[in-house]
């Protein structure tokens, strides 16, 4: 009988502890998905030309990946992408709105 009472009291203590502190459930909260937007950025007016007047956007693209939210670029596991488009000396970028705002700001600074 004492053993049954002790077990019942222990069970009550466990239940009271859970009720008092709440269940201990841990879950990672994911950041809401940002819509991805494709935009084309002309670069012919920017410093992307070498001494032979050849279009070389690589340094500009690397600068963007370093300065503009690096962890959101595909190269580091994110979803944002970019690709050069030589036909029009442009860079095609798919990114969220916040990143595009930062890209525009960077390109405007480089154009001055």
PDB file of N, CA and C in Angstrom:
ATOM      1  N   UNK A   1       0.815  -1.186   0.000  1.00  0.00           N
ATOM      2  CA  UNK A   1       0.000   0.000   0.000  1.00  0.00           C
ATOM      3  C   UNK A   1       0.867   1.261   0.000  1.00  0.00           C
ATOM      4  N   UNK A   2       1.897   1.278   0.842  1.00  0.00           N
ATOM      5  CA  UNK A   2       2.787   2.450   0.887  1.00  0.00           C
ATOM      6  C   UNK A   2       3.454   2.675  -0.468  1.00  0.00           C
ATOM      7  N   UNK A   3       3.807   1.577  -1.130  1.00  0.00           N
ATOM      8  CA  UNK A   3       4.459   1.693  -2.429  1.00  0.00           C
ATOM      9  C   UNK A   3       3.511   2.315  -3.440  1.00  0.00           C
ATOM     10  N   UNK A   4       2.241   1.943  -3.433  1.00  0.00           N
ATOM     11  CA  UNK A   4       1.250   2.515  -4.345  1.00  0.00           C
ATOM     12  C   UNK A   4       1.056   3.998  -4.069  1.00  0.00           C
ATOM     13  N   UNK A   5       1.049   4.371  -2.808  1.00  0.00           N
ATOM     14  CA  UNK A   5       0.899   5.779  -2.436  1.00  0.00           C
ATOM     15  C   UNK A   5       2.118   6.572  -2.886  1.00  0.00           C
ATOM     16  N   UNK A   6       3.299   5.998  -2.697  1.00  0.00           N
ATOM     17  CA  UNK A   6       4.531   6.677  -3.118  1.00  0.00           C
ATOM     18  C   UNK A   6       4.556   6.876  -4.628  1.00  0.00           C
ATOM     19  N   UNK A   7       4.156   5.861  -5.380  1.00  0.00           N
ATOM     20  CA  UNK A   7       4.110   5.961  -6.847  1.00  0.00           C
ATOM     21  C   UNK A   7       3.088   7.016  -7.267  1.00  0.00           C
ATOM     22  N   UNK A   8       1.936   7.025  -6.613  1.00  0.00           N
ATOM     23  CA  UNK A   8       0.894   8.003  -6.938  1.00  0.00           C
ATOM     24  C   UNK A   8       1.378   9.420  -6.638  1.00  0.00           C
ATOM     25  N   UNK A   9       2.055   9.604  -5.506  1.00  0.00           N
ATOM     26  CA  UNK A   9       2.592  10.926  -5.163  1.00  0.00           C
ATOM     27  C   UNK A   9       3.664  11.380  -6.151  1.00  0.00           C
ATOM     28  N   UNK A  10       4.516  10.448  -6.563  1.00  0.00           N
ATOM     29  CA  UNK A  10       5.546  10.762  -7.548  1.00  0.00           C
ATOM     30  C   UNK A  10       4.909  11.172  -8.867  1.00  0.00           C
ATOM     31  N   UNK A  11       3.880  10.448  -9.273  1.00  0.00           N
ATOM     32  CA  UNK A  11       3.177  10.793 -10.518  1.00  0.00           C
ATOM     33  C   UNK A  11       2.545  12.169 -10.417  1.00  0.00           C
ATOM     34  N   UNK A  12       1.959  12.487  -9.259  1.00  0.00           N
ATOM     35  CA  UNK A  12       1.371  13.815  -9.059  1.00  0.00           C
ATOM     36  C   UNK A  12       2.426  14.912  -9.115  1.00  0.00           C
ATOM     37  N   UNK A  13       3.594  14.645  -8.541  1.00  0.00           N
ATOM     38  CA  UNK A  13       4.675  15.632  -8.586  1.00  0.00           C
ATOM     39  C   UNK A  13       5.138  15.894 -10.021  1.00  0.00           C
ATOM     40  N   UNK A  14       5.251  14.827 -10.810  1.00  0.00           N
ATOM     41  CA  UNK A  14       5.661  14.981 -12.216  1.00  0.00           C
ATOM     42  C   UNK A  14       4.623  15.783 -12.974  1.00  0.00           C
ATOM     43  N   UNK A  15       3.337  15.445 -12.796  1.00  0.00           N
ATOM     44  CA  UNK A  15       2.258  16.172 -13.477  1.00  0.00           C
ATOM     45  C   UNK A  15       2.242  17.626 -13.035  1.00  0.00           C
ATOM     46  N   UNK A  16       2.381  17.866 -11.740  1.00  0.00           N
ATOM     47  CA  UNK A  16       2.387  19.242 -11.231  1.00  0.00           C
ATOM     48  C   UNK A  16       3.560  20.025 -11.804  1.00  0.00           C
ATOM     49  N   UNK A  17       4.713  19.381 -11.937  1.00  0.00           N
ATOM     50  CA  UNK A  17       5.885  20.044 -12.501  1.00  0.00           C
ATOM     51  C   UNK A  17       5.648  20.449 -13.942  1.00  0.00           C
ATOM     52  N   UNK A  18       5.050  19.547 -14.741  1.00  0.00           N
ATOM     53  CA  UNK A  18       4.771  19.852 -16.156  1.00  0.00           C
ATOM     54  C   UNK A  18       3.746  20.963 -16.255  1.00  0.00           C
ATOM     55  N   UNK A  19       2.714  20.906 -15.406  1.00  0.00           N
ATOM     56  CA  UNK A  19       1.684  21.943 -15.443  1.00  0.00           C
ATOM     57  C   UNK A  19       2.269  23.288 -15.034  1.00  0.00           C
ATOM     58  N   UNK A  20       3.113  23.300 -14.017  1.00  0.00           N
ATOM     59  CA  UNK A  20       3.690  24.556 -13.521  1.00  0.00           C
ATOM     60  C   UNK A  20       4.675  25.182 -14.499  1.00  0.00           C
ATOM     61  N   UNK A  21       5.486  24.365 -15.138  1.00  0.00           N
ATOM     62  CA  UNK A  21       6.524  24.917 -16.014  1.00  0.00           C
ATOM     63  C   UNK A  21       6.182  24.807 -17.486  1.00  0.00           C
ATOM     64  N   UNK A  22       5.162  24.086 -17.813  1.00  0.00           N
ATOM     65  CA  UNK A  22       4.810  23.878 -19.210  1.00  0.00           C
ATOM     66  C   UNK A  22       5.636  22.750 -19.781  1.00  0.00           C
ATOM     67  N   UNK A  23       5.156  22.142 -20.837  1.00  0.00           N
ATOM     68  CA  UNK A  23       5.904  21.039 -21.437  1.00  0.00           C
ATOM     69  C   UNK A  23       7.225  21.543 -22.007  1.00  0.00           C
ATOM     70  N   UNK A  24       8.219  20.735 -21.960  1.00  0.00           N
ATOM     71  CA  UNK A  24       9.540  21.111 -22.461  1.00  0.00           C
ATOM     72  C   UNK A  24       9.693  20.619 -23.894  1.00  0.00           C
ATOM     73  N   UNK A  25       9.181  21.404 -24.774  1.00  0.00           N
ATOM     74  CA  UNK A  25       9.263  21.069 -26.189  1.00  0.00           C
ATOM     75  C   UNK A  25      10.137  22.116 -26.851  1.00  0.00           C
ATOM     76  N   UNK A  26      11.127  21.673 -27.587  1.00  0.00           N
ATOM     77  CA  UNK A  26      11.966  22.634 -28.290  1.00  0.00           C
ATOM     78  C   UNK A  26      11.784  22.436 -29.781  1.00  0.00           C
ATOM     79  N   UNK A  27      11.732  23.535 -30.475  1.00  0.00           N
ATOM     80  CA  UNK A  27      11.602  23.494 -31.928  1.00  0.00           C
ATOM     81  C   UNK A  27      12.304  24.718 -32.490  1.00  0.00           C
ATOM     82  N   UNK A  28      12.956  24.530 -33.598  1.00  0.00           N
ATOM     83  CA  UNK A  28      13.599  25.657 -34.259  1.00  0.00           C
ATOM     84  C   UNK A  28      12.547  26.451 -35.019  1.00  0.00           C
ATOM     85  N   UNK A  29      12.621  27.749 -34.885  1.00  0.00           N
ATOM     86  CA  UNK A  29      11.694  28.613 -35.587  1.00  0.00           C
ATOM     87  C   UNK A  29      12.339  29.008 -36.906  1.00  0.00           C
ATOM     88  N   UNK A  30      11.671  28.669 -37.997  1.00  0.00           N
ATOM     89  CA  UNK A  30      12.214  29.009 -39.311  1.00  0.00           C
ATOM     90  C   UNK A  30      11.776  30.408 -39.702  1.00  0.00           C
ATOM     91  N   UNK A  31      12.680  31.087 -40.366  1.00  0.00           N
ATOM     92  CA  UNK A  31      12.389  32.407 -40.892  1.00  0.00           C
ATOM     93  C   UNK A  31      11.392  32.261 -42.039  1.00  0.00           C
ATOM     94  N   UNK A  32      10.392  33.136 -42.107  1.00  0.00           N
ATOM     95  CA  UNK A  32       9.435  33.018 -43.213  1.00  0.00           C
ATOM     96  C   UNK A  32      10.138  33.174 -44.563  1.00  0.00           C
ATOM     97  N   UNK A  33       9.659  32.433 -45.530  1.00  0.00           N
ATOM     98  CA  UNK A  33      10.267  32.474 -46.866  1.00  0.00           C
ATOM     99  C   UNK A  33      10.053  33.849 -47.489  1.00  0.00           C
ATOM    100  N   UNK A  34      11.111  34.362 -48.089  1.00  0.00           N
ATOM    101  CA  UNK A  34      11.018  35.644 -48.790  1.00  0.00           C
ATOM    102  C   UNK A  34      10.783  35.347 -50.267  1.00  0.00           C
ATOM    103  N   UNK A  35       9.878  36.084 -50.902  1.00  0.00           N
ATOM    104  CA  UNK A  35       9.679  35.849 -52.337  1.00  0.00           C
ATOM    105  C   UNK A  35      10.927  36.242 -53.127  1.00  0.00           C
ATOM    106  N   UNK A  36      11.292  35.402 -54.079  1.00  0.00           N
ATOM    107  CA  UNK A  36      12.461  35.659 -54.910  1.00  0.00           C
ATOM    108  C   UNK A  36      12.015  36.410 -56.168  1.00  0.00           C
ATOM    109  N   UNK A  37      12.799  37.416 -56.534  1.00  0.00           N
ATOM    110  CA  UNK A  37      12.487  38.291 -57.666  1.00  0.00           C
ATOM    111  C   UNK A  37      13.674  38.296 -58.615  1.00  0.00           C
ATOM    112  N   UNK A  38      13.414  38.163 -59.905  1.00  0.00           N
ATOM    113  CA  UNK A  38      14.481  38.210 -60.907  1.00  0.00           C
ATOM    114  C   UNK A  38      14.572  39.625 -61.459  1.00  0.00           C
ATOM    115  N   UNK A  39      15.786  40.171 -61.452  1.00  0.00           N
ATOM    116  CA  UNK A  39      16.028  41.501 -62.028  1.00  0.00           C
ATOM    117  C   UNK A  39      17.316  41.465 -62.833  1.00  0.00           C
ATOM    118  N   UNK A  40      17.367  42.323 -63.825  1.00  0.00           N
ATOM    119  CA  UNK A  40      18.547  42.433 -64.693  1.00  0.00           C
ATOM    120  C   UNK A  40      19.194  43.789 -64.427  1.00  0.00           C
ATOM    121  N   UNK A  41      20.488  43.770 -64.143  1.00  0.00           N
ATOM    122  CA  UNK A  41      21.227  44.994 -63.837  1.00  0.00           C
ATOM    123  C   UNK A  41      22.262  45.269 -64.923  1.00  0.00           C
ATOM    124  N   UNK A  42      22.091  46.339 -65.706  1.00  0.00           N
ATOM    125  CA  UNK A  42      23.105  46.728 -66.685  1.00  0.00           C
ATOM    126  C   UNK A  42      24.381  47.150 -65.959  1.00  0.00           C
ATOM    127  N   UNK A  43      25.523  46.796 -66.519  1.00  0.00           N
ATOM    128  CA  UNK A  43      26.792  47.126 -65.858  1.00  0.00           C
ATOM    129  C   UNK A  43      27.790  47.830 -66.770  1.00  0.00           C
ATOM    130  N   UNK A  44      27.390  48.144 -67.986  1.00  0.00           N
ATOM    131  CA  UNK A  44      28.361  48.718 -68.931  1.00  0.00           C
ATOM    132  C   UNK A  44      28.931  50.046 -68.442  1.00  0.00           C
ATOM    133  N   UNK A  45      28.240  50.759 -67.578  1.00  0.00           N
ATOM    134  CA  UNK A  45      28.702  52.050 -67.043  1.00  0.00           C
ATOM    135  C   UNK A  45      29.531  51.890 -65.762  1.00  0.00           C
ATOM    136  N   UNK A  46      29.736  50.652 -65.332  1.00  0.00           N
ATOM    137  CA  UNK A  46      30.456  50.377 -64.088  1.00  0.00           C
ATOM    138  C   UNK A  46      31.880  49.909 -64.379  1.00  0.00           C
ATOM    139  N   UNK A  47      32.737  49.895 -63.364  1.00  0.00           N
ATOM    140  CA  UNK A  47      34.129  49.466 -63.578  1.00  0.00           C
ATOM    141  C   UNK A  47      34.251  47.939 -63.705  1.00  0.00           C
ATOM    142  N   UNK A  48      33.786  47.419 -64.835  1.00  0.00           N
ATOM    143  CA  UNK A  48      33.830  45.968 -65.076  1.00  0.00           C
ATOM    144  C   UNK A  48      34.583  45.641 -66.370  1.00  0.00           C
ATOM    145  N   UNK A  49      35.447  46.562 -66.796  1.00  0.00           N
ATOM    146  CA  UNK A  49      36.188  46.388 -68.051  1.00  0.00           C
ATOM    147  C   UNK A  49      37.671  46.257 -67.746  1.00  0.00           C
ATOM    148  N   UNK A  50      38.352  45.371 -68.451  1.00  0.00           N
ATOM    149  CA  UNK A  50      39.799  45.255 -68.259  1.00  0.00           C
ATOM    150  C   UNK A  50      40.516  46.182 -69.237  1.00  0.00           C
ATOM    151  N   UNK A  51      41.831  46.162 -69.238  1.00  0.00           N
ATOM    152  CA  UNK A  51      42.637  47.044 -70.086  1.00  0.00           C
ATOM    153  C   UNK A  51      42.432  46.812 -71.575  1.00  0.00           C
ATOM    154  N   UNK A  52      41.962  45.642 -71.957  1.00  0.00           N
ATOM    155  CA  UNK A  52      41.709  45.324 -73.371  1.00  0.00           C
ATOM    156  C   UNK A  52      40.262  45.619 -73.764  1.00  0.00           C
ATOM    157  N   UNK A  53      39.571  46.359 -72.909  1.00  0.00           N
ATOM    158  CA  UNK A  53      38.167  46.693 -73.125  1.00  0.00           C
ATOM    159  C   UNK A  53      37.270  45.453 -73.222  1.00  0.00           C
ATOM    160  N   UNK A  54      37.610  44.432 -72.423  1.00  0.00           N
ATOM    161  CA  UNK A  54      36.791  43.227 -72.341  1.00  0.00           C
ATOM    162  C   UNK A  54      35.942  43.300 -71.079  1.00  0.00           C
ATOM    163  N   UNK A  55      34.684  42.928 -71.209  1.00  0.00           N
ATOM    164  CA  UNK A  55      33.754  42.962 -70.080  1.00  0.00           C
ATOM    165  C   UNK A  55      34.088  41.847 -69.103  1.00  0.00           C
ATOM    166  N   UNK A  56      34.375  42.199 -67.863  1.00  0.00           N
ATOM    167  CA  UNK A  56      34.751  41.237 -66.829  1.00  0.00           C
ATOM    168  C   UNK A  56      33.946  41.516 -65.549  1.00  0.00           C
ATOM    169  N   UNK A  57      32.758  40.959 -65.412  1.00  0.00           N
ATOM    170  CA  UNK A  57      31.918  41.246 -64.249  1.00  0.00           C
ATOM    171  C   UNK A  57      32.265  40.435 -62.995  1.00  0.00           C
ATOM    172  N   UNK A  58      33.253  39.548 -63.077  1.00  0.00           N
ATOM    173  CA  UNK A  58      33.544  38.633 -61.966  1.00  0.00           C
ATOM    174  C   UNK A  58      33.821  39.349 -60.650  1.00  0.00           C
ATOM    175  N   UNK A  59      34.655  40.390 -60.676  1.00  0.00           N
ATOM    176  CA  UNK A  59      34.970  41.103 -59.439  1.00  0.00           C
ATOM    177  C   UNK A  59      33.733  41.773 -58.848  1.00  0.00           C
ATOM    178  N   UNK A  60      32.887  42.333 -59.694  1.00  0.00           N
ATOM    179  CA  UNK A  60      31.654  42.954 -59.226  1.00  0.00           C
ATOM    180  C   UNK A  60      30.733  41.906 -58.596  1.00  0.00           C
ATOM    181  N   UNK A  61      30.633  40.758 -59.231  1.00  0.00           N
ATOM    182  CA  UNK A  61      29.786  39.690 -58.699  1.00  0.00           C
ATOM    183  C   UNK A  61      30.324  39.186 -57.353  1.00  0.00           C
ATOM    184  N   UNK A  62      31.631  39.053 -57.241  1.00  0.00           N
ATOM    185  CA  UNK A  62      32.235  38.630 -55.969  1.00  0.00           C
ATOM    186  C   UNK A  62      32.000  39.685 -54.887  1.00  0.00           C
ATOM    187  N   UNK A  63      32.129  40.951 -55.248  1.00  0.00           N
ATOM    188  CA  UNK A  63      31.886  42.036 -54.303  1.00  0.00           C
ATOM    189  C   UNK A  63      30.452  41.974 -53.778  1.00  0.00           C
ATOM    190  N   UNK A  64      29.500  41.746 -54.666  1.00  0.00           N
ATOM    191  CA  UNK A  64      28.100  41.650 -54.249  1.00  0.00           C
ATOM    192  C   UNK A  64      27.891  40.492 -53.280  1.00  0.00           C
ATOM    193  N   UNK A  65      28.508  39.358 -53.576  1.00  0.00           N
ATOM    194  CA  UNK A  65      28.336  38.199 -52.695  1.00  0.00           C
ATOM    195  C   UNK A  65      28.975  38.411 -51.328  1.00  0.00           C
ATOM    196  N   UNK A  66      30.015  39.219 -51.258  1.00  0.00           N
ATOM    197  CA  UNK A  66      30.677  39.503 -49.979  1.00  0.00           C
ATOM    198  C   UNK A  66      29.915  40.563 -49.185  1.00  0.00           C
ATOM    199  N   UNK A  67      29.470  41.621 -49.862  1.00  0.00           N
ATOM    200  CA  UNK A  67      28.881  42.777 -49.185  1.00  0.00           C
ATOM    201  C   UNK A  67      27.382  42.640 -48.915  1.00  0.00           C
ATOM    202  N   UNK A  68      26.682  41.882 -49.718  1.00  0.00           N
ATOM    203  CA  UNK A  68      25.218  41.845 -49.629  1.00  0.00           C
ATOM    204  C   UNK A  68      24.756  40.497 -49.097  1.00  0.00           C
ATOM    205  N   UNK A  69      24.456  40.444 -47.831  1.00  0.00           N
ATOM    206  CA  UNK A  69      23.923  39.258 -47.159  1.00  0.00           C
ATOM    207  C   UNK A  69      24.537  37.964 -47.687  1.00  0.00           C
ATOM    208  N   UNK A  70      25.800  37.713 -47.387  1.00  0.00           N
ATOM    209  CA  UNK A  70      26.513  36.561 -47.957  1.00  0.00           C
ATOM    210  C   UNK A  70      25.827  35.207 -47.769  1.00  0.00           C
ATOM    211  N   UNK A  71      25.170  34.994 -46.629  1.00  0.00           N
ATOM    212  CA  UNK A  71      24.574  33.677 -46.380  1.00  0.00           C
ATOM    213  C   UNK A  71      23.316  33.401 -47.196  1.00  0.00           C
ATOM    214  N   UNK A  72      22.819  34.396 -47.916  1.00  0.00           N
ATOM    215  CA  UNK A  72      21.624  34.172 -48.743  1.00  0.00           C
ATOM    216  C   UNK A  72      21.953  33.788 -50.189  1.00  0.00           C
ATOM    217  N   UNK A  73      23.246  33.840 -50.543  1.00  0.00           N
ATOM    218  CA  UNK A  73      23.637  33.467 -51.901  1.00  0.00           C
ATOM    219  C   UNK A  73      23.737  31.947 -52.016  1.00  0.00           C
ATOM    220  N   UNK A  74      23.420  31.443 -53.167  1.00  0.00           N
ATOM    221  CA  UNK A  74      23.431  30.003 -53.427  1.00  0.00           C
ATOM    222  C   UNK A  74      24.785  29.363 -53.088  1.00  0.00           C
ATOM    223  N   UNK A  75      25.859  30.079 -53.329  1.00  0.00           N
ATOM    224  CA  UNK A  75      27.204  29.546 -53.069  1.00  0.00           C
ATOM    225  C   UNK A  75      27.404  29.188 -51.593  1.00  0.00           C
ATOM    226  N   UNK A  76      26.641  29.822 -50.704  1.00  0.00           N
ATOM    227  CA  UNK A  76      26.755  29.541 -49.272  1.00  0.00           C
ATOM    228  C   UNK A  76      25.491  28.907 -48.710  1.00  0.00           C
ATOM    229  N   UNK A  77      24.705  28.274 -49.569  1.00  0.00           N
ATOM    230  CA  UNK A  77      23.528  27.555 -49.105  1.00  0.00           C
ATOM    231  C   UNK A  77      22.223  28.324 -49.170  1.00  0.00           C
ATOM    232  N   UNK A  78      22.270  29.555 -49.646  1.00  0.00           N
ATOM    233  CA  UNK A  78      21.042  30.349 -49.757  1.00  0.00           C
ATOM    234  C   UNK A  78      20.333  30.097 -51.083  1.00  0.00           C
ATOM    235  N   UNK A  79      19.381  30.959 -51.384  1.00  0.00           N
ATOM    236  CA  UNK A  79      18.580  30.786 -52.598  1.00  0.00           C
ATOM    237  C   UNK A  79      18.868  31.825 -53.685  1.00  0.00           C
ATOM    238  N   UNK A  80      19.562  32.892 -53.332  1.00  0.00           N
ATOM    239  CA  UNK A  80      19.825  33.957 -54.303  1.00  0.00           C
ATOM    240  C   UNK A  80      20.880  33.506 -55.320  1.00  0.00           C
ATOM    241  N   UNK A  81      20.652  33.870 -56.574  1.00  0.00           N
ATOM    242  CA  UNK A  81      21.589  33.500 -57.638  1.00  0.00           C
ATOM    243  C   UNK A  81      21.911  34.724 -58.494  1.00  0.00           C
ATOM    244  N   UNK A  82      23.030  34.626 -59.205  1.00  0.00           N
ATOM    245  CA  UNK A  82      23.376  35.665 -60.177  1.00  0.00           C
ATOM    246  C   UNK A  82      24.176  35.031 -61.300  1.00  0.00           C
ATOM    247  N   UNK A  83      24.043  35.626 -62.478  1.00  0.00           N
ATOM    248  CA  UNK A  83      24.767  35.123 -63.644  1.00  0.00           C
ATOM    249  C   UNK A  83      25.056  36.293 -64.578  1.00  0.00           C
ATOM    250  N   UNK A  84      26.238  36.298 -65.186  1.00  0.00           N
ATOM    251  CA  UNK A  84      26.550  37.350 -66.157  1.00  0.00           C
ATOM    252  C   UNK A  84      25.787  37.102 -67.450  1.00  0.00           C
ATOM    253  N   UNK A  85      25.414  38.178 -68.105  1.00  0.00           N
ATOM    254  CA  UNK A  85      24.757  38.087 -69.406  1.00  0.00           C
ATOM    255  C   UNK A  85      25.548  38.966 -70.366  1.00  0.00           C
ATOM    256  N   UNK A  86      26.570  38.384 -71.024  1.00  0.00           N
ATOM    257  CA  UNK A  86      27.504  39.170 -71.845  1.00  0.00           C
ATOM    258  C   UNK A  86      26.852  39.921 -73.011  1.00  0.00           C
ATOM    259  N   UNK A  87      25.787  39.384 -73.557  1.00  0.00           N
ATOM    260  CA  UNK A  87      25.159  40.009 -74.724  1.00  0.00           C
ATOM    261  C   UNK A  87      24.796  41.475 -74.463  1.00  0.00           C
ATOM    262  N   UNK A  88      24.357  41.757 -73.232  1.00  0.00           N
ATOM    263  CA  UNK A  88      23.979  43.134 -72.895  1.00  0.00           C
ATOM    264  C   UNK A  88      24.833  43.725 -71.773  1.00  0.00           C
ATOM    265  N   UNK A  89      25.953  43.074 -71.444  1.00  0.00           N
ATOM    266  CA  UNK A  89      26.808  43.481 -70.328  1.00  0.00           C
ATOM    267  C   UNK A  89      25.981  43.712 -69.066  1.00  0.00           C
ATOM    268  N   UNK A  90      25.167  42.726 -68.736  1.00  0.00           N
ATOM    269  CA  UNK A  90      24.288  42.803 -67.566  1.00  0.00           C
ATOM    270  C   UNK A  90      24.550  41.623 -66.642  1.00  0.00           C
ATOM    271  N   UNK A  91      24.058  41.772 -65.424  1.00  0.00           N
ATOM    272  CA  UNK A  91      24.083  40.667 -64.469  1.00  0.00           C
ATOM    273  C   UNK A  91      22.634  40.376 -64.102  1.00  0.00           C
ATOM    274  N   UNK A  92      22.249  39.125 -64.247  1.00  0.00           N
ATOM    275  CA  UNK A  92      20.893  38.688 -63.931  1.00  0.00           C
ATOM    276  C   UNK A  92      20.917  38.130 -62.510  1.00  0.00           C
ATOM    277  N   UNK A  93      20.071  38.696 -61.656  1.00  0.00           N
ATOM    278  CA  UNK A  93      20.079  38.311 -60.242  1.00  0.00           C
ATOM    279  C   UNK A  93      18.669  37.925 -59.797  1.00  0.00           C
ATOM    280  N   UNK A  94      18.585  36.788 -59.127  1.00  0.00           N
ATOM    281  CA  UNK A  94      17.345  36.366 -58.479  1.00  0.00           C
ATOM    282  C   UNK A  94      17.605  36.427 -56.985  1.00  0.00           C
ATOM    283  N   UNK A  95      16.848  37.291 -56.302  1.00  0.00           N
ATOM    284  CA  UNK A  95      17.053  37.502 -54.865  1.00  0.00           C
ATOM    285  C   UNK A  95      15.768  38.065 -54.269  1.00  0.00           C
ATOM    286  N   UNK A  96      15.751  38.209 -52.953  1.00  0.00           N
ATOM    287  CA  UNK A  96      14.576  38.812 -52.321  1.00  0.00           C
ATOM    288  C   UNK A  96      14.665  40.338 -52.407  1.00  0.00           C
ATOM    289  N   UNK A  97      13.569  41.003 -52.084  1.00  0.00           N
ATOM    290  CA  UNK A  97      13.471  42.464 -52.225  1.00  0.00           C
ATOM    291  C   UNK A  97      14.536  43.195 -51.410  1.00  0.00           C
ATOM    292  N   UNK A  98      14.790  42.745 -50.204  1.00  0.00           N
ATOM    293  CA  UNK A  98      15.793  43.386 -49.351  1.00  0.00           C
ATOM    294  C   UNK A  98      17.174  43.340 -50.004  1.00  0.00           C
ATOM    295  N   UNK A  99      17.523  42.200 -50.578  1.00  0.00           N
ATOM    296  CA  UNK A  99      18.822  42.081 -51.254  1.00  0.00           C
ATOM    297  C   UNK A  99      18.879  42.984 -52.478  1.00  0.00           C
ATOM    298  N   UNK A 100      17.801  43.030 -53.243  1.00  0.00           N
ATOM    299  CA  UNK A 100      17.783  43.901 -54.428  1.00  0.00           C
ATOM    300  C   UNK A 100      17.980  45.362 -54.022  1.00  0.00           C
ATOM    301  N   UNK A 101      17.375  45.769 -52.919  1.00  0.00           N
ATOM    302  CA  UNK A 101      17.575  47.152 -52.450  1.00  0.00           C
ATOM    303  C   UNK A 101      19.051  47.413 -52.156  1.00  0.00           C
ATOM    304  N   UNK A 102      19.710  46.454 -51.532  1.00  0.00           N
ATOM    305  CA  UNK A 102      21.131  46.599 -51.219  1.00  0.00           C
ATOM    306  C   UNK A 102      21.979  46.587 -52.492  1.00  0.00           C
ATOM    307  N   UNK A 103      21.592  45.789 -53.479  1.00  0.00           N
ATOM    308  CA  UNK A 103      22.317  45.736 -54.759  1.00  0.00           C
ATOM    309  C   UNK A 103      22.238  47.088 -55.456  1.00  0.00           C
ATOM    310  N   UNK A 104      21.041  47.660 -55.504  1.00  0.00           N
ATOM    311  CA  UNK A 104      20.862  48.971 -56.141  1.00  0.00           C
ATOM    312  C   UNK A 104      21.731  50.013 -55.441  1.00  0.00           C
ATOM    313  N   UNK A 105      21.741  49.988 -54.119  1.00  0.00           N
ATOM    314  CA  UNK A 105      22.556  50.940 -53.362  1.00  0.00           C
ATOM    315  C   UNK A 105      24.043  50.781 -53.687  1.00  0.00           C
ATOM    316  N   UNK A 106      24.521  49.557 -53.728  1.00  0.00           N
ATOM    317  CA  UNK A 106      25.931  49.301 -54.047  1.00  0.00           C
ATOM    318  C   UNK A 106      26.270  49.760 -55.461  1.00  0.00           C
ATOM    319  N   UNK A 107      25.430  49.411 -56.426  1.00  0.00           N
ATOM    320  CA  UNK A 107      25.694  49.799 -57.816  1.00  0.00           C
ATOM    321  C   UNK A 107      25.659  51.309 -57.994  1.00  0.00           C
ATOM    322  N   UNK A 108      24.775  51.988 -57.292  1.00  0.00           N
ATOM    323  CA  UNK A 108      24.727  53.449 -57.361  1.00  0.00           C
ATOM    324  C   UNK A 108      26.013  54.069 -56.803  1.00  0.00           C
ATOM    325  N   UNK A 109      26.539  53.504 -55.716  1.00  0.00           N
ATOM    326  CA  UNK A 109      27.802  54.006 -55.165  1.00  0.00           C
ATOM    327  C   UNK A 109      28.957  53.793 -56.122  1.00  0.00           C
ATOM    328  N   UNK A 110      28.965  52.633 -56.796  1.00  0.00           N
ATOM    329  CA  UNK A 110      30.051  52.339 -57.748  1.00  0.00           C
ATOM    330  C   UNK A 110      29.966  53.213 -58.995  1.00  0.00           C
ATOM    331  N   UNK A 111      28.780  53.645 -59.348  1.00  0.00           N
ATOM    332  CA  UNK A 111      28.606  54.440 -60.566  1.00  0.00           C
ATOM    333  C   UNK A 111      29.059  55.879 -60.380  1.00  0.00           C
ATOM    334  N   UNK A 112      29.218  56.336 -59.151  1.00  0.00           N
ATOM    335  CA  UNK A 112      29.606  57.743 -58.906  1.00  0.00           C
ATOM    336  C   UNK A 112      31.062  57.984 -59.189  1.00  0.00           C
TER     337      UNK A 112
END
